[in-house]
Amino acid sequence: MAKVIFIFSLLLSSLSNAQIIINVQLPPAGMIPKDQLWNLVLVNNNSSIDAAITLDIQDAATGQTVLSAVSAGFILGKGIKTINVSDVQPVQYNYLAADLTGRYLPLGTYVVCYRVIRKDAKENVPVGDECVTIHISPLSLPLLNTPADMSVLETSYPLFTWLAPGPVDMFENLNYDLLIAEIFPGQSPAEAILYNTPVYSNNSLRITSQNYPSPFSKLKAGQQYAWQVTARNGLNYSAQTEVWSFSIRSPDSASTSASTAGYIELRNNTESSGISYINNDELLVKYYSFDKDHETSVRFFSSDGKPVRRIKQGTRYGDNYLRFRLTNEFKKKTVYLVQITDLNKNIFSASFSIQ
């Protein structure tokens, strides 16, 4: 029994002499100035010590140390102490990567390790350790500009433009990868970029535009294409744009455009659209399907969401020009909604009213 009491007393003693607890006060992502690296909360369960803090930052992908630092000494009393950069000045930095010399940490993912050392011993004795992972990402993502999403182009050698991520001064070596791929029947644009062999790709672009080069085979008329831009800082991934699609106008599209001028286009519910007005009891609808040929339901709703009519309709991949006879349940000067849901549960709709 005495032995058990002795062991228990040793455990209590070890707990009372626990190491310094380090609580790192950093955001998990976003822009981080180097001064914020010293935002810490230290918990000391022992008596006051003469302490210092060492810092080691590693690239999460390679494991290589890119920056190390050591603070000036300070008195760490018993209890809880909040630390910031003014408490540990002067700080001695050792830069092992050139892009770490600026005010902000460059884009990337890092493992940041802290160690509290006791300086009032014969040697610097470590009394607390903590590591955290942080991800430095741009505040705004790169954005595609032209060609517009789902646009139909007149040329087989288009110009591609996009907007840079920001702020640009976060990047030491900003460059872009451009990727263009065909969209096959049944695929979404994102699937085409992910799975299909590119018809064109170009890496390490320094400007936010790129002409489809004339030495390449021209883009095919009537074919749907997907495109995406990836921003990099040097060789390191930074951010990606959305995936947009476009097509090249077919040779017979001029006559098709004239014959389909009165068609109302169904748009994705994420896109805003107004009300289309028709003059008779026939509704003309244009619907672009990314799905393989299949039968779908075309649904009609009143302005308050009540179902009015439902029609089975065959659709094919690409443009569908649909005609519907509006029967007596459709009243003049009343707004209605026509809607189609694709195989991926995306809803395409348009509002209309009979004048």
Protein backbone atom coordinates (compact mmCIF):
# COMPACT_ATOMS: atom_id res chain seq x y z
CA MET A 1 0.00 0.00 0.00
CA ALA A 2 2.85 2.35 0.87
CA LYS A 3 4.39 1.59 -2.53
CA VAL A 4 1.16 2.55 -4.31
CA ILE A 5 0.96 5.82 -2.37
CA PHE A 6 4.58 6.57 -3.29
CA ILE A 7 3.95 5.98 -6.99
CA PHE A 8 0.80 8.14 -6.86
CA SER A 9 2.73 10.95 -5.22
CA LEU A 10 5.35 10.75 -7.98
CA LEU A 11 2.59 11.07 -10.60
CA LEU A 12 1.17 14.14 -8.88
CA SER A 13 4.66 15.61 -8.71
CA SER A 14 5.25 15.03 -12.43
CA LEU A 15 1.90 16.64 -13.28
CA SER A 16 2.69 19.67 -11.17
CA ASN A 17 6.03 20.00 -13.02
CA ALA A 18 4.50 19.60 -16.49
CA GLN A 19 6.16 21.32 -19.45
CA ILE A 20 5.07 24.68 -20.81
CA ILE A 21 1.83 24.40 -22.81
CA ILE A 22 1.91 26.36 -26.09
CA ASN A 23 -1.34 27.53 -27.67
CA VAL A 24 -0.73 28.93 -31.17
CA GLN A 25 -3.00 31.85 -32.14
CA LEU A 26 -2.82 31.67 -35.94
CA PRO A 27 -5.63 31.49 -38.50
CA PRO A 28 -5.68 28.13 -40.34
CA ALA A 29 -5.67 29.86 -43.76
CA GLY A 30 -5.35 33.24 -45.44
CA MET A 31 -2.64 35.88 -45.48
CA ILE A 32 -0.31 35.78 -42.46
CA PRO A 33 2.34 38.47 -41.76
CA LYS A 34 5.51 37.11 -40.18
CA ASP A 35 4.90 39.22 -37.06
CA GLN A 36 1.72 37.19 -36.38
CA LEU A 37 3.80 34.03 -36.05
CA TRP A 38 4.58 35.14 -32.49
CA ASN A 39 0.95 35.32 -31.37
CA LEU A 40 1.00 32.65 -28.65
CA VAL A 41 -0.56 31.83 -25.30
CA LEU A 42 1.86 30.10 -22.89
CA VAL A 43 0.74 28.20 -19.80
CA ASN A 44 3.43 27.71 -17.15
CA ASN A 45 2.64 25.36 -14.27
CA ASN A 46 6.03 25.95 -12.63
CA SER A 47 7.78 28.88 -11.05
CA SER A 48 9.07 31.79 -13.14
CA ILE A 49 11.82 31.04 -15.65
CA ASP A 50 14.05 32.95 -18.04
CA ALA A 51 12.71 31.69 -21.40
CA ALA A 52 13.07 32.09 -25.15
CA ILE A 53 11.15 30.70 -28.12
CA THR A 54 12.54 29.05 -31.23
CA LEU A 55 10.57 28.83 -34.46
CA ASP A 56 10.96 26.37 -37.35
CA ILE A 57 8.85 26.54 -40.54
CA GLN A 58 8.88 23.60 -42.95
CA ASP A 59 7.36 23.25 -46.40
CA ALA A 60 4.60 20.68 -45.87
CA ALA A 61 5.20 19.08 -49.28
CA THR A 62 8.98 18.63 -49.07
CA GLY A 63 9.65 18.67 -45.31
CA GLN A 64 12.46 21.18 -45.89
CA THR A 65 12.97 23.99 -43.38
CA VAL A 66 12.41 27.33 -45.14
CA LEU A 67 12.67 29.68 -42.15
CA SER A 68 13.95 29.43 -38.59
CA ALA A 69 14.06 32.05 -35.86
CA VAL A 70 14.86 32.55 -32.19
CA SER A 71 13.38 35.19 -29.93
CA ALA A 72 15.03 37.35 -27.32
CA GLY A 73 14.87 36.14 -23.71
CA PHE A 74 11.94 37.09 -21.50
CA ILE A 75 10.62 36.22 -18.05
CA LEU A 76 7.82 33.65 -18.14
CA GLY A 77 5.98 33.73 -14.84
CA LYS A 78 3.73 31.06 -13.43
CA GLY A 79 0.26 30.97 -14.98
CA ILE A 80 -1.00 32.12 -18.38
CA LYS A 81 0.92 34.62 -20.49
CA THR A 82 -0.16 36.06 -23.87
CA ILE A 83 2.75 36.65 -26.23
CA ASN A 84 3.07 38.80 -29.35
CA VAL A 85 6.01 39.98 -31.41
CA SER A 86 6.68 43.00 -29.17
CA ASP A 87 7.31 40.66 -26.21
CA VAL A 88 10.07 38.70 -27.96
CA GLN A 89 12.04 41.40 -29.77
CA PRO A 90 14.63 41.38 -31.15
CA VAL A 91 13.97 38.25 -33.20
CA GLN A 92 16.82 36.67 -35.16
CA TYR A 93 15.59 35.16 -38.46
CA ASN A 94 17.46 32.65 -40.60
CA TYR A 95 16.04 32.65 -44.16
CA LEU A 96 16.55 29.41 -46.06
CA ALA A 97 14.30 30.38 -48.99
CA ALA A 98 14.44 33.71 -50.80
CA ASP A 99 10.65 34.18 -51.03
CA LEU A 100 10.35 34.17 -47.21
CA THR A 101 12.10 37.53 -46.82
CA GLY A 102 8.95 39.63 -47.43
CA ARG A 103 6.43 40.81 -44.87
CA TYR A 104 3.93 38.03 -45.59
CA LEU A 105 4.40 34.29 -45.76
CA PRO A 106 4.22 33.24 -49.44
CA LEU A 107 1.50 30.97 -50.76
CA GLY A 108 1.77 27.35 -49.72
CA THR A 109 1.18 24.89 -46.90
CA TYR A 110 3.58 24.90 -43.96
CA VAL A 111 4.25 23.07 -40.72
CA VAL A 112 5.16 25.64 -38.05
CA CYS A 113 6.90 24.28 -34.93
CA TYR A 114 7.55 26.19 -31.71
CA ARG A 115 9.82 25.32 -28.79
CA VAL A 116 10.10 27.13 -25.45
CA ILE A 117 13.61 26.82 -24.00
CA ARG A 118 14.76 27.55 -20.49
CA LYS A 119 17.76 29.91 -20.57
CA ASP A 120 18.50 30.07 -16.83
CA ALA A 121 19.86 26.52 -16.81
CA LYS A 122 23.46 25.59 -17.68
CA GLU A 123 22.22 24.67 -21.16
CA ASN A 124 19.16 25.75 -23.09
CA VAL A 125 16.68 23.11 -21.91
CA PRO A 126 13.47 22.58 -23.97
CA VAL A 127 10.38 22.81 -21.75
CA GLY A 128 7.54 22.97 -24.32
CA ASP A 129 6.87 22.03 -27.95
CA GLU A 130 3.97 22.54 -30.35
CA CYS A 131 3.49 22.22 -34.15
CA VAL A 132 0.60 23.45 -36.32
CA THR A 133 -0.15 23.29 -40.05
CA ILE A 134 -1.16 26.47 -41.87
CA HIS A 135 -2.28 27.06 -45.46
CA ILE A 136 -1.58 30.39 -47.12
CA SER A 137 -4.10 30.96 -49.92
CA PRO A 138 -5.04 33.98 -52.08
CA LEU A 139 -7.91 36.17 -50.89
CA SER A 140 -9.53 36.12 -54.33
CA LEU A 141 -9.36 33.24 -56.81
CA PRO A 142 -8.45 33.62 -60.49
CA LEU A 143 -11.54 34.15 -62.65
CA LEU A 144 -12.22 33.18 -66.26
CA ASN A 145 -13.19 36.07 -68.50
CA THR A 146 -13.51 35.17 -72.22
CA PRO A 147 -14.88 33.19 -73.94
CA ALA A 148 -17.97 33.39 -71.74
CA ASP A 149 -19.42 30.24 -70.27
CA MET A 150 -21.60 28.28 -72.73
CA SER A 151 -20.85 30.78 -75.52
CA VAL A 152 -20.86 29.92 -79.23
CA LEU A 153 -17.79 31.27 -81.05
CA GLU A 154 -17.36 32.28 -84.68
CA THR A 155 -13.64 31.48 -84.81
CA SER A 156 -11.78 28.19 -84.42
CA TYR A 157 -8.76 30.05 -82.98
CA PRO A 158 -10.21 31.97 -80.01
CA LEU A 159 -8.50 34.26 -77.50
CA PHE A 160 -8.68 33.10 -73.87
CA THR A 161 -8.49 35.69 -71.09
CA TRP A 162 -8.80 35.50 -67.30
CA LEU A 163 -8.33 37.63 -64.18
CA ALA A 164 -5.43 37.18 -61.76
CA PRO A 165 -5.88 36.02 -58.14
CA GLY A 166 -5.29 38.65 -55.53
CA PRO A 167 -3.58 40.34 -54.00
CA VAL A 168 -0.88 39.91 -56.65
CA ASP A 169 1.90 40.94 -54.23
CA MET A 170 1.35 37.67 -52.34
CA PHE A 171 3.02 35.91 -55.27
CA GLU A 172 6.75 35.88 -55.88
CA ASN A 173 6.47 34.05 -59.22
CA LEU A 174 2.87 34.09 -60.45
CA ASN A 175 2.21 31.99 -63.56
CA TYR A 176 -0.67 30.06 -65.12
CA ASP A 177 -1.50 26.72 -66.72
CA LEU A 178 -4.23 26.76 -69.42
CA LEU A 179 -6.09 23.53 -70.22
CA ILE A 180 -8.68 22.91 -73.00
CA ALA A 181 -10.46 19.58 -73.52
CA GLU A 182 -13.34 18.23 -75.61
CA ILE A 183 -16.62 17.48 -73.84
CA PHE A 184 -17.94 14.05 -74.82
CA PRO A 185 -21.64 13.10 -74.67
CA GLY A 186 -22.84 12.54 -71.11
CA GLN A 187 -19.98 14.54 -69.55
CA SER A 188 -20.01 17.77 -67.59
CA PRO A 189 -17.29 20.37 -68.36
CA ALA A 190 -15.54 19.53 -65.06
CA GLU A 191 -15.48 15.83 -65.96
CA ALA A 192 -14.03 16.65 -69.37
CA ILE A 193 -11.15 18.61 -67.81
CA LEU A 194 -10.53 15.86 -65.27
CA TYR A 195 -10.66 12.78 -67.49
CA ASN A 196 -10.12 13.70 -71.16
CA THR A 197 -6.83 14.16 -72.98
CA PRO A 198 -6.35 17.90 -73.56
CA VAL A 199 -6.60 19.22 -77.08
CA TYR A 200 -4.38 22.06 -75.92
CA SER A 201 -2.39 22.90 -72.80
CA ASN A 202 0.21 25.54 -72.03
CA ASN A 203 2.12 25.98 -68.79
CA SER A 204 4.01 28.77 -67.02
CA LEU A 205 2.14 31.58 -68.79
CA ARG A 206 3.15 34.99 -67.43
CA ILE A 207 0.19 37.01 -68.71
CA THR A 208 -3.57 36.56 -68.30
CA SER A 209 -4.35 35.84 -71.95
CA GLN A 210 -3.51 33.25 -74.56
CA ASN A 211 -4.48 32.85 -78.21
CA TYR A 212 -5.24 29.36 -79.40
CA PRO A 213 -2.18 28.95 -81.64
CA SER A 214 -2.63 28.66 -85.41
CA PRO A 215 -0.08 25.80 -85.81
CA PHE A 216 -2.48 23.56 -83.84
CA SER A 217 -5.40 21.78 -85.49
CA LYS A 218 -8.33 24.18 -85.45
CA LEU A 219 -11.10 23.58 -82.95
CA LYS A 220 -13.93 21.61 -84.53
CA ALA A 221 -17.18 23.26 -85.56
CA GLY A 222 -20.16 22.05 -83.53
CA GLN A 223 -17.92 20.57 -80.80
CA GLN A 224 -18.25 21.53 -77.14
CA TYR A 225 -15.03 22.33 -75.25
CA ALA A 226 -14.17 22.89 -71.59
CA TRP A 227 -11.40 25.16 -70.32
CA GLN A 228 -9.76 25.98 -66.99
CA VAL A 229 -6.81 27.99 -65.67
CA THR A 230 -4.59 27.03 -62.72
CA ALA A 231 -2.57 29.73 -60.94
CA ARG A 232 0.83 28.79 -59.51
CA ASN A 233 3.48 30.48 -57.41
CA GLY A 234 6.61 29.17 -59.09
CA LEU A 235 6.00 25.42 -59.28
CA ASN A 236 3.60 25.38 -56.32
CA TYR A 237 -0.16 25.14 -56.82
CA SER A 238 -2.08 28.22 -55.66
CA ALA A 239 -5.67 28.18 -56.96
CA GLN A 240 -7.91 27.14 -59.85
CA THR A 241 -10.70 28.83 -61.75
CA GLU A 242 -14.09 27.30 -62.39
CA VAL A 243 -14.48 25.15 -65.50
CA TRP A 244 -16.33 26.90 -68.33
CA SER A 245 -17.52 25.56 -71.68
CA PHE A 246 -17.82 26.96 -75.20
CA SER A 247 -18.51 25.66 -78.69
CA ILE A 248 -17.56 26.58 -82.24
CA ARG A 249 -20.48 27.59 -84.47
CA SER A 250 -21.43 25.05 -87.15
CA PRO A 251 -21.36 26.15 -90.83
CA ASP A 252 -25.15 25.94 -91.05
CA SER A 253 -25.69 27.86 -87.81
CA ALA A 254 -26.56 31.15 -89.56
CA SER A 255 -29.75 29.67 -90.99
CA THR A 256 -30.38 27.86 -87.71
CA SER A 257 -30.05 31.14 -85.77
CA ALA A 258 -32.60 32.80 -88.00
CA SER A 259 -35.08 29.95 -87.63
CA THR A 260 -34.62 29.75 -83.83
CA ALA A 261 -34.68 33.46 -83.02
CA GLY A 262 -37.97 33.20 -81.10
CA TYR A 263 -36.85 30.42 -78.76
CA ILE A 264 -36.60 31.07 -75.01
CA GLU A 265 -33.36 29.64 -73.56
CA LEU A 266 -33.54 27.56 -70.39
CA ARG A 267 -30.79 28.65 -68.01
CA ASN A 268 -29.27 27.07 -64.93
CA ASN A 269 -31.09 28.18 -61.77
CA THR A 270 -27.86 29.78 -60.54
CA GLU A 271 -28.10 32.31 -63.40
CA SER A 272 -30.50 35.21 -63.22
CA SER A 273 -32.96 35.77 -66.08
CA GLY A 274 -36.01 37.92 -66.72
CA ILE A 275 -39.47 37.16 -68.07
CA SER A 276 -39.97 36.35 -71.76
CA TYR A 277 -43.26 37.42 -73.39
CA ILE A 278 -44.92 35.41 -76.16
CA ASN A 279 -47.74 36.48 -78.47
CA ASN A 280 -49.56 33.19 -79.06
CA ASP A 281 -50.32 29.84 -77.52
CA GLU A 282 -47.09 28.15 -78.69
CA LEU A 283 -44.03 28.18 -76.45
CA LEU A 284 -40.62 27.74 -78.14
CA VAL A 285 -37.84 26.56 -75.80
CA LYS A 286 -34.11 26.10 -76.39
CA TYR A 287 -32.40 23.69 -73.99
CA TYR A 288 -28.73 22.64 -74.12
CA SER A 289 -28.28 19.15 -72.65
CA PHE A 290 -24.94 17.81 -71.42
CA ASP A 291 -26.54 14.37 -70.91
CA LYS A 292 -26.72 11.43 -73.29
CA ASP A 293 -29.96 10.98 -75.25
CA HIS A 294 -32.81 10.21 -72.85
CA GLU A 295 -36.43 11.01 -71.99
CA THR A 296 -37.00 13.73 -69.42
CA SER A 297 -39.91 15.61 -67.85
CA VAL A 298 -40.74 19.19 -68.79
CA ARG A 299 -42.67 20.78 -65.94
CA PHE A 300 -44.68 23.99 -65.87
CA PHE A 301 -45.42 25.95 -62.68
CA SER A 302 -47.46 29.02 -61.81
CA SER A 303 -45.75 32.03 -60.26
CA ASP A 304 -46.63 30.77 -56.76
CA GLY A 305 -44.94 27.40 -57.41
CA LYS A 306 -48.06 25.30 -58.06
CA PRO A 307 -47.66 22.63 -60.80
CA VAL A 308 -49.66 23.38 -63.96
CA ARG A 309 -48.54 20.78 -66.46
CA ARG A 310 -45.99 17.98 -66.95
CA ILE A 311 -44.86 16.61 -70.33
CA LYS A 312 -42.58 13.71 -71.23
CA GLN A 313 -39.97 14.89 -73.73
CA GLY A 314 -37.04 13.20 -75.48
CA THR A 315 -33.76 15.15 -75.38
CA ARG A 316 -30.36 14.64 -76.99
CA TYR A 317 -26.85 15.82 -76.21
CA GLY A 318 -26.37 19.40 -77.36
CA ASP A 319 -28.98 21.94 -78.45
CA ASN A 320 -32.65 20.91 -78.21
CA TYR A 321 -35.33 23.10 -79.81
CA LEU A 322 -38.67 22.22 -78.19
CA ARG A 323 -42.19 23.41 -79.05
CA PHE A 324 -45.14 23.24 -76.67
CA ARG A 325 -48.79 24.03 -77.31
CA LEU A 326 -50.20 26.00 -74.38
CA THR A 327 -53.71 24.80 -73.56
CA ASN A 328 -56.50 26.52 -71.64
CA GLU A 329 -54.83 26.17 -68.22
CA PHE A 330 -52.36 28.92 -69.26
CA LYS A 331 -53.88 32.39 -68.84
CA LYS A 332 -52.80 35.63 -70.48
CA LYS A 333 -50.80 38.22 -68.52
CA THR A 334 -49.82 35.56 -65.95
CA VAL A 335 -46.22 34.52 -65.28
CA TYR A 336 -45.32 30.84 -65.58
CA LEU A 337 -42.12 28.82 -65.17
CA VAL A 338 -40.96 26.05 -67.52
CA GLN A 339 -38.35 23.72 -66.01
CA ILE A 340 -36.14 20.73 -66.94
CA THR A 341 -33.91 18.80 -64.51
CA ASP A 342 -30.89 16.99 -66.00
CA LEU A 343 -29.43 13.65 -64.93
CA ASN A 344 -27.10 15.41 -62.45
CA LYS A 345 -30.08 17.10 -60.72
CA ASN A 346 -29.21 20.51 -62.18
CA ILE A 347 -32.35 22.57 -62.83
CA PHE A 348 -32.75 24.66 -66.00
CA SER A 349 -35.71 27.02 -66.26
CA ALA A 350 -37.20 30.14 -67.81
CA SER A 351 -40.10 32.42 -66.92
CA PHE A 352 -42.66 33.42 -69.57
CA SER A 353 -46.01 35.16 -69.93
CA ILE A 354 -48.60 35.23 -72.71
CA GLN A 355 -49.37 38.80 -73.79
